[in-house]
Amino acid sequence: MNRSVITLGLVVLAALSVSGLAGVAVEGTLGADATESAPADSTEPSPAATPSAERVSPATPSSQETVAGVTQSAEPTATPDAAQTTPAGSGTDIDTDRLESRLVAAINDRRGNPVANDAFDGSLSDETKTGQKLSAMAGNHSERMAAQGSASPIANGSDTTDRYAAAGLSEQCRLRHEGNAYFRPVTDLELVTSVDPNGANATRIADTVADHWFDLTGPRDTLYMANANHIGVGAATADGVVYITVNLC
């Protein structure tokens, strides 16, 4: 098990990567310098992600992750509109459709980067029939994570293996490991994360999550799978936190 913390400008993410277990979970906080437009509702930062979250997998009874947070001073912004009623950090202003589309594009951009991997160039599609199944599966899981208030491969009693089986993808998504030595378990094909956007827009969230995952060995290996062709991304929000699931096949 590897634990790491990464800082990108005002962006702080904490990640837990468990090789061979049920998915990869990441939690963190995005800086307040990447809004869709000039903040008009509040200068107060969004509430930080829950300081700790429990990760449970079939192979490991429990593991715990502590999220690092950084308090940043905010520059003065325009006076809030008196008619504004949506509280800051509620997460209701995050365009989840845009976030999902941008995250697919960001992952494909990095998969096709010859500097990062000169032996591989392949795009993952979320528009195929399989991609649509993966997207529905990812979206449902993100909604369940949002309901339980934590990012985990297990939500509402369902784990990664259960979800692939329910979608009828267990056999189709048996991808061989590099060198064809063995088949990867479907638990290698899923990534989950939760992020406090702290005012960041959908594009910024997607780009930062992609950058962070490609900086980590476990998630990077998952996203660089050469024999994967399909991708599904689902995002949901609750209490100002964005929950994201990515599934491959």
Foldseek 3Di string as FASTA:
>chain_A
DDWDWDDDPQWIKTWDFDPQWQATEIETEADQPAFPDFDQADQDFADTADQKDWEDTPVRHIDMDGYDHDDDHGDDGDHHDPPDDDDPLQQPPAPFVVLFVLLLVLLLVQLQDCVNPVVGHAHAALPDPVSVLQQVLFAVVQVQCQVVRHKYQDGPRDHQLNSCVVSVNQVVQQPADVVNPGTRHQSLFKHKYKYQHRNHYSNVVSNVVSVVLCVDDSSVSNSNRRPWHHKHKHWDDGSSMIMIMMGID
